[in-house]
């Protein structure tokens, strides 16, 4: 089955979440962390970098914000796509990543329109990289 066909439900759900933003209040980065990320990042399950662990996050936050966020959105290592919460919009997910990175010392702002465009571009690049490599996403 083509990779895009496998990913389409996740990407479509993300698009629907973005389209529905006006229908519900958007969560802050802290709210996203507390409701979706803490289950792994508070405890370090499956080697997830713990919240505020500067040493574990250091290498990750060397990556550009858009790239790290996109890889997390698609799923990376043991992390499932969208952090396992398909109800998050891309913007909410991006705020959660920025919030966790800031707790580890990064100077990342919540994403603005320009950063969101860069994240979307990185998502497309990552999907293509994985497809070319013949690998599977989590």
N, C-alpha and C. Protein backbone atom coordinates (compact mmCIF):
# COMPACT_ATOMS: atom_id res chain seq x y z
N UNK A 1 0.85 -1.17 0.00
CA UNK A 1 0.00 0.00 0.00
C UNK A 1 0.90 1.24 0.00
N UNK A 2 0.63 2.23 -0.83
CA UNK A 2 1.45 3.44 -0.87
C UNK A 2 1.45 4.16 0.47
N UNK A 3 2.59 4.73 0.81
CA UNK A 3 2.75 5.43 2.08
C UNK A 3 1.71 6.52 2.28
N UNK A 4 1.45 7.29 1.24
CA UNK A 4 0.48 8.37 1.38
C UNK A 4 -0.91 7.83 1.68
N UNK A 5 -1.24 6.67 1.13
CA UNK A 5 -2.55 6.07 1.43
C UNK A 5 -2.62 5.66 2.90
N UNK A 6 -1.51 5.21 3.45
CA UNK A 6 -1.47 4.84 4.85
C UNK A 6 -1.58 6.08 5.74
N UNK A 7 -0.89 7.14 5.34
CA UNK A 7 -0.87 8.37 6.14
C UNK A 7 -2.10 9.24 5.95
N UNK A 8 -2.82 9.05 4.87
CA UNK A 8 -3.91 9.95 4.55
C UNK A 8 -4.91 10.12 5.68
N UNK A 9 -5.34 9.05 6.36
CA UNK A 9 -6.29 9.27 7.47
C UNK A 9 -5.75 10.21 8.54
N UNK A 10 -4.47 10.08 8.88
CA UNK A 10 -3.88 10.97 9.88
C UNK A 10 -3.81 12.39 9.36
N UNK A 11 -3.36 12.54 8.13
CA UNK A 11 -3.26 13.88 7.56
C UNK A 11 -4.64 14.51 7.36
N UNK A 12 -5.58 13.71 6.93
CA UNK A 12 -6.94 14.23 6.74
C UNK A 12 -7.54 14.63 8.08
N UNK A 13 -7.31 13.82 9.10
CA UNK A 13 -7.82 14.17 10.44
C UNK A 13 -7.19 15.47 10.91
N UNK A 14 -5.92 15.65 10.61
CA UNK A 14 -5.25 16.89 11.00
C UNK A 14 -5.86 18.06 10.26
N UNK A 15 -6.15 17.88 9.00
CA UNK A 15 -6.79 18.95 8.23
C UNK A 15 -8.15 19.29 8.77
N UNK A 16 -8.89 18.27 9.16
CA UNK A 16 -10.21 18.51 9.74
C UNK A 16 -10.08 19.23 11.06
N UNK A 17 -9.06 18.86 11.85
CA UNK A 17 -8.85 19.54 13.12
C UNK A 17 -8.52 21.01 12.88
N UNK A 18 -7.71 21.27 11.85
CA UNK A 18 -7.38 22.66 11.54
C UNK A 18 -8.61 23.41 11.07
N UNK A 19 -9.45 22.77 10.28
CA UNK A 19 -10.65 23.43 9.78
C UNK A 19 -11.66 23.67 10.88
N UNK A 20 -11.64 22.82 11.89
CA UNK A 20 -12.62 22.93 12.97
C UNK A 20 -12.15 23.85 14.09
N UNK A 21 -11.00 24.49 13.92
CA UNK A 21 -10.44 25.31 14.98
C UNK A 21 -11.44 26.32 15.53
N UNK A 22 -12.27 26.89 14.69
CA UNK A 22 -13.23 27.87 15.14
C UNK A 22 -14.33 27.26 15.99
N UNK A 23 -14.50 25.95 15.90
CA UNK A 23 -15.58 25.28 16.61
C UNK A 23 -15.20 24.98 18.06
N UNK A 24 -13.94 25.02 18.40
CA UNK A 24 -13.52 24.76 19.77
C UNK A 24 -12.30 25.62 20.09
N UNK A 25 -12.10 25.85 21.36
CA UNK A 25 -10.95 26.64 21.78
C UNK A 25 -9.67 25.83 21.55
N UNK A 26 -8.65 26.50 21.10
CA UNK A 26 -7.35 25.87 20.88
C UNK A 26 -6.63 25.75 22.21
N UNK A 27 -5.96 24.61 22.41
CA UNK A 27 -5.21 24.40 23.63
C UNK A 27 -3.85 25.10 23.57
N UNK A 28 -3.38 25.52 24.71
CA UNK A 28 -2.04 26.09 24.83
C UNK A 28 -1.03 24.94 24.80
N UNK A 29 0.23 25.29 24.68
CA UNK A 29 1.27 24.28 24.72
C UNK A 29 1.27 23.50 26.02
N UNK A 30 1.05 24.19 27.13
CA UNK A 30 1.01 23.52 28.42
C UNK A 30 -0.17 22.56 28.49
N UNK A 31 -1.32 22.98 27.99
CA UNK A 31 -2.49 22.10 27.99
C UNK A 31 -2.25 20.87 27.12
N UNK A 32 -1.62 21.05 25.97
CA UNK A 32 -1.31 19.92 25.10
C UNK A 32 -0.37 18.97 25.84
N UNK A 33 0.66 19.52 26.46
CA UNK A 33 1.59 18.68 27.21
C UNK A 33 0.85 17.89 28.28
N UNK A 34 0.04 18.58 29.06
CA UNK A 34 -0.64 17.92 30.19
C UNK A 34 -1.64 16.87 29.74
N UNK A 35 -2.33 17.10 28.63
CA UNK A 35 -3.36 16.16 28.19
C UNK A 35 -2.87 15.07 27.25
N UNK A 36 -1.78 15.33 26.52
CA UNK A 36 -1.36 14.39 25.49
C UNK A 36 0.09 13.91 25.60
N UNK A 37 0.96 14.74 26.09
CA UNK A 37 2.39 14.43 26.04
C UNK A 37 2.94 13.86 27.35
N UNK A 38 2.36 14.29 28.47
CA UNK A 38 2.91 13.94 29.77
C UNK A 38 2.93 12.44 30.03
N UNK A 39 1.99 11.71 29.44
CA UNK A 39 1.94 10.27 29.70
C UNK A 39 3.25 9.58 29.34
N UNK A 40 3.98 10.11 28.38
CA UNK A 40 5.28 9.54 28.02
C UNK A 40 6.44 10.45 28.45
N UNK A 41 6.29 11.75 28.24
CA UNK A 41 7.40 12.67 28.47
C UNK A 41 7.60 13.03 29.94
N UNK A 42 6.65 12.74 30.80
CA UNK A 42 6.86 12.96 32.24
C UNK A 42 7.65 11.81 32.85
N UNK A 43 7.52 10.63 32.27
CA UNK A 43 8.15 9.44 32.84
C UNK A 43 9.31 8.90 32.03
N UNK A 44 9.41 9.29 30.76
CA UNK A 44 10.48 8.78 29.90
C UNK A 44 10.19 7.43 29.29
N UNK A 45 8.91 7.08 29.19
CA UNK A 45 8.50 5.82 28.58
C UNK A 45 9.13 5.68 27.19
N UNK A 46 9.62 4.49 26.89
CA UNK A 46 10.20 4.18 25.58
C UNK A 46 11.30 5.18 25.19
N UNK A 47 12.05 5.64 26.18
CA UNK A 47 13.15 6.58 25.99
C UNK A 47 12.71 7.96 25.50
N UNK A 48 11.46 8.32 25.76
CA UNK A 48 10.99 9.67 25.44
C UNK A 48 11.78 10.65 26.31
N UNK A 49 12.25 11.75 25.72
CA UNK A 49 12.97 12.72 26.55
C UNK A 49 12.02 13.32 27.59
N UNK A 50 12.44 13.25 28.86
CA UNK A 50 11.59 13.75 29.92
C UNK A 50 11.47 15.27 29.87
N UNK A 51 10.31 15.73 30.27
CA UNK A 51 10.03 17.16 30.33
C UNK A 51 11.09 17.85 31.19
N UNK A 52 11.72 18.88 30.63
CA UNK A 52 12.71 19.67 31.35
C UNK A 52 14.10 19.07 31.41
N UNK A 53 14.32 17.88 30.85
CA UNK A 53 15.63 17.23 30.88
C UNK A 53 16.51 17.84 29.79
N UNK A 54 17.30 18.83 30.19
CA UNK A 54 18.11 19.57 29.23
C UNK A 54 19.09 18.68 28.47
N UNK A 55 19.65 17.71 29.14
CA UNK A 55 20.62 16.83 28.47
C UNK A 55 19.95 15.99 27.38
N UNK A 56 18.79 15.42 27.68
CA UNK A 56 18.08 14.59 26.69
C UNK A 56 17.54 15.41 25.53
N UNK A 57 17.10 16.63 25.82
CA UNK A 57 16.51 17.47 24.78
C UNK A 57 17.56 18.22 23.96
N UNK A 58 18.78 18.34 24.47
CA UNK A 58 19.80 19.19 23.82
C UNK A 58 19.98 18.86 22.35
N UNK A 59 20.18 17.60 22.02
CA UNK A 59 20.40 17.22 20.62
C UNK A 59 19.14 17.48 19.78
N UNK A 60 17.98 17.23 20.37
CA UNK A 60 16.73 17.45 19.64
C UNK A 60 16.51 18.92 19.31
N UNK A 61 16.79 19.79 20.26
CA UNK A 61 16.52 21.21 20.02
C UNK A 61 17.63 21.89 19.22
N UNK A 62 18.66 21.12 18.86
CA UNK A 62 19.62 21.62 17.87
C UNK A 62 18.99 21.61 16.48
N UNK A 63 18.00 20.73 16.29
CA UNK A 63 17.28 20.68 15.02
C UNK A 63 16.42 21.93 14.90
N UNK A 64 16.15 22.37 13.68
CA UNK A 64 15.23 23.49 13.53
C UNK A 64 13.85 23.14 14.10
N UNK A 65 13.18 24.12 14.64
CA UNK A 65 11.87 23.91 15.25
C UNK A 65 10.89 23.23 14.29
N UNK A 66 10.87 23.69 13.06
CA UNK A 66 9.93 23.12 12.08
C UNK A 66 10.23 21.64 11.83
N UNK A 67 11.50 21.31 11.77
CA UNK A 67 11.88 19.92 11.48
C UNK A 67 11.53 19.00 12.64
N UNK A 68 11.89 19.38 13.85
CA UNK A 68 11.59 18.52 15.01
C UNK A 68 10.08 18.35 15.17
N UNK A 69 9.34 19.43 14.98
CA UNK A 69 7.89 19.37 15.11
C UNK A 69 7.29 18.46 14.04
N UNK A 70 7.74 18.59 12.82
CA UNK A 70 7.22 17.76 11.72
C UNK A 70 7.51 16.29 11.96
N UNK A 71 8.71 15.97 12.42
CA UNK A 71 9.05 14.58 12.67
C UNK A 71 8.17 14.00 13.78
N UNK A 72 7.91 14.79 14.80
CA UNK A 72 7.02 14.34 15.86
C UNK A 72 5.60 14.15 15.37
N UNK A 73 5.15 15.05 14.50
CA UNK A 73 3.79 14.97 13.95
C UNK A 73 3.60 13.68 13.17
N UNK A 74 4.59 13.33 12.37
CA UNK A 74 4.53 12.13 11.54
C UNK A 74 4.75 10.88 12.39
N UNK A 75 5.52 11.01 13.45
CA UNK A 75 5.88 9.88 14.29
C UNK A 75 7.36 9.59 14.11
N UNK A 76 8.03 9.40 15.21
CA UNK A 76 9.47 9.17 15.16
C UNK A 76 9.86 8.24 16.31
N UNK A 77 10.79 7.33 16.02
CA UNK A 77 11.20 6.31 16.99
C UNK A 77 9.94 5.66 17.57
N UNK A 78 9.78 5.62 18.87
CA UNK A 78 8.61 4.96 19.47
C UNK A 78 7.40 5.87 19.55
N UNK A 79 7.55 7.13 19.17
CA UNK A 79 6.45 8.08 19.26
C UNK A 79 5.48 7.90 18.10
N UNK A 80 4.21 7.70 18.40
CA UNK A 80 3.23 7.54 17.31
C UNK A 80 2.91 8.89 16.66
N UNK A 81 2.35 8.88 15.46
CA UNK A 81 1.96 10.14 14.82
C UNK A 81 1.05 10.96 15.74
N UNK A 82 1.24 12.26 15.69
CA UNK A 82 0.45 13.23 16.46
C UNK A 82 0.54 12.92 17.96
N UNK A 83 1.62 12.28 18.36
CA UNK A 83 1.79 11.94 19.77
C UNK A 83 0.71 11.01 20.29
N UNK A 84 0.03 10.34 19.37
CA UNK A 84 -1.02 9.40 19.76
C UNK A 84 -2.38 10.06 19.99
N UNK A 85 -2.50 11.35 19.70
CA UNK A 85 -3.77 12.05 19.91
C UNK A 85 -4.22 12.68 18.59
N UNK A 86 -4.97 11.96 17.81
CA UNK A 86 -5.43 12.45 16.50
C UNK A 86 -6.40 13.62 16.60
N UNK A 87 -6.83 13.96 17.82
CA UNK A 87 -7.73 15.10 17.99
C UNK A 87 -7.01 16.43 18.02
N UNK A 88 -5.69 16.40 18.11
CA UNK A 88 -4.92 17.65 18.13
C UNK A 88 -4.82 18.23 16.73
N UNK A 89 -4.94 19.54 16.65
CA UNK A 89 -4.64 20.20 15.39
C UNK A 89 -3.12 20.32 15.27
N UNK A 90 -2.64 20.55 14.09
CA UNK A 90 -1.21 20.72 13.89
C UNK A 90 -0.70 21.90 14.71
N UNK A 91 -1.47 22.96 14.78
CA UNK A 91 -1.04 24.13 15.55
C UNK A 91 -0.95 23.79 17.05
N UNK A 92 -1.91 23.06 17.57
CA UNK A 92 -1.86 22.67 18.98
C UNK A 92 -0.65 21.78 19.24
N UNK A 93 -0.46 20.78 18.38
CA UNK A 93 0.68 19.88 18.53
C UNK A 93 1.98 20.69 18.52
N UNK A 94 2.08 21.65 17.61
CA UNK A 94 3.28 22.48 17.48
C UNK A 94 3.51 23.31 18.74
N UNK A 95 2.44 23.80 19.34
CA UNK A 95 2.57 24.53 20.61
C UNK A 95 3.10 23.61 21.71
N UNK A 96 2.60 22.38 21.73
CA UNK A 96 3.06 21.43 22.73
C UNK A 96 4.54 21.13 22.60
N UNK A 97 5.01 20.96 21.37
CA UNK A 97 6.44 20.70 21.13
C UNK A 97 7.26 21.91 21.58
N UNK A 98 6.81 23.11 21.21
CA UNK A 98 7.53 24.32 21.60
C UNK A 98 7.57 24.47 23.12
N UNK A 99 6.48 24.17 23.78
CA UNK A 99 6.41 24.25 25.24
C UNK A 99 7.43 23.31 25.88
N UNK A 100 7.49 22.07 25.40
CA UNK A 100 8.44 21.10 25.96
C UNK A 100 9.88 21.52 25.67
N UNK A 101 10.13 22.02 24.46
CA UNK A 101 11.48 22.44 24.11
C UNK A 101 11.92 23.64 24.97
N UNK A 102 11.01 24.57 25.20
CA UNK A 102 11.34 25.72 26.07
C UNK A 102 11.69 25.27 27.48
N UNK A 103 10.99 24.26 27.99
CA UNK A 103 11.26 23.75 29.33
C UNK A 103 12.66 23.15 29.44
N UNK A 104 13.23 22.80 28.29
CA UNK A 104 14.58 22.23 28.25
C UNK A 104 15.62 23.24 27.79
N UNK A 105 15.21 24.50 27.68
CA UNK A 105 16.17 25.55 27.36
C UNK A 105 16.12 26.15 25.97
N UNK A 106 15.25 25.64 25.11
CA UNK A 106 15.15 26.21 23.76
C UNK A 106 14.50 27.59 23.81
N UNK A 107 14.79 28.40 22.84
CA UNK A 107 14.17 29.72 22.73
C UNK A 107 13.13 29.69 21.62
N UNK A 108 12.21 28.76 21.70
CA UNK A 108 11.20 28.58 20.66
C UNK A 108 9.91 29.27 21.06
N UNK A 109 9.41 30.09 20.18
CA UNK A 109 8.11 30.73 20.40
C UNK A 109 7.01 29.79 19.92
N UNK A 110 5.81 30.03 20.41
CA UNK A 110 4.68 29.32 19.83
C UNK A 110 4.65 29.66 18.35
N UNK A 111 4.28 28.71 17.50
CA UNK A 111 4.37 28.92 16.06
C UNK A 111 3.42 30.00 15.54
N UNK A 112 3.97 30.87 14.70
CA UNK A 112 3.16 31.85 13.99
C UNK A 112 2.85 31.28 12.60
N UNK A 113 2.22 32.07 11.76
CA UNK A 113 1.83 31.58 10.42
C UNK A 113 3.05 31.14 9.61
N UNK A 114 4.13 31.86 9.71
CA UNK A 114 5.34 31.51 8.95
C UNK A 114 5.91 30.18 9.44
N UNK A 115 5.96 29.99 10.75
CA UNK A 115 6.47 28.73 11.29
C UNK A 115 5.53 27.58 10.92
N UNK A 116 4.23 27.81 10.97
CA UNK A 116 3.29 26.75 10.60
C UNK A 116 3.50 26.32 9.15
N UNK A 117 3.75 27.27 8.26
CA UNK A 117 4.02 26.94 6.86
C UNK A 117 5.30 26.11 6.75
N UNK A 118 6.32 26.48 7.52
CA UNK A 118 7.58 25.74 7.50
C UNK A 118 7.38 24.31 8.03
N UNK A 119 6.57 24.16 9.06
CA UNK A 119 6.28 22.84 9.62
C UNK A 119 5.57 21.98 8.58
N UNK A 120 4.59 22.54 7.89
CA UNK A 120 3.87 21.78 6.86
C UNK A 120 4.81 21.35 5.74
N UNK A 121 5.72 22.24 5.35
CA UNK A 121 6.71 21.89 4.33
C UNK A 121 7.60 20.73 4.81
N UNK A 122 8.01 20.78 6.07
CA UNK A 122 8.85 19.72 6.63
C UNK A 122 8.10 18.40 6.71
N UNK A 123 6.80 18.44 6.98
CA UNK A 123 6.00 17.21 7.02
C UNK A 123 6.03 16.54 5.64
N UNK A 124 5.84 17.32 4.61
CA UNK A 124 5.87 16.79 3.24
C UNK A 124 7.25 16.21 2.93
N UNK A 125 8.31 16.92 3.31
CA UNK A 125 9.67 16.43 3.08
C UNK A 125 9.90 15.10 3.80
N UNK A 126 9.46 15.03 5.04
CA UNK A 126 9.68 13.82 5.83
C UNK A 126 8.94 12.62 5.23
N UNK A 127 7.72 12.84 4.80
CA UNK A 127 6.96 11.75 4.17
C UNK A 127 7.70 11.26 2.93
N UNK A 128 8.20 12.18 2.14
CA UNK A 128 8.94 11.81 0.93
C UNK A 128 10.22 11.06 1.28
N UNK A 129 10.95 11.50 2.30
CA UNK A 129 12.18 10.82 2.71
C UNK A 129 11.89 9.38 3.11
N UNK A 130 10.87 9.21 3.89
CA UNK A 130 10.51 7.87 4.36
C UNK A 130 10.08 7.01 3.18
N UNK A 131 9.29 7.58 2.29
CA UNK A 131 8.82 6.84 1.12
C UNK A 131 10.00 6.41 0.24
N UNK A 132 10.92 7.32 -0.02
CA UNK A 132 12.10 6.99 -0.85
C UNK A 132 12.96 5.91 -0.21
N UNK A 133 13.05 5.94 1.10
CA UNK A 133 13.87 4.94 1.81
C UNK A 133 13.16 3.58 1.90
N UNK A 134 11.88 3.55 1.54
CA UNK A 134 11.12 2.31 1.63
C UNK A 134 10.84 1.90 3.06
N UNK A 135 10.99 2.84 3.97
CA UNK A 135 10.73 2.56 5.38
C UNK A 135 9.27 2.79 5.72
N UNK A 136 8.92 2.36 6.89
CA UNK A 136 7.56 2.57 7.38
C UNK A 136 7.60 3.59 8.49
N UNK A 137 6.59 4.39 8.54
CA UNK A 137 6.45 5.32 9.65
C UNK A 137 5.80 4.60 10.81
N UNK A 138 6.04 5.10 12.03
CA UNK A 138 5.43 4.44 13.21
C UNK A 138 3.92 4.39 13.08
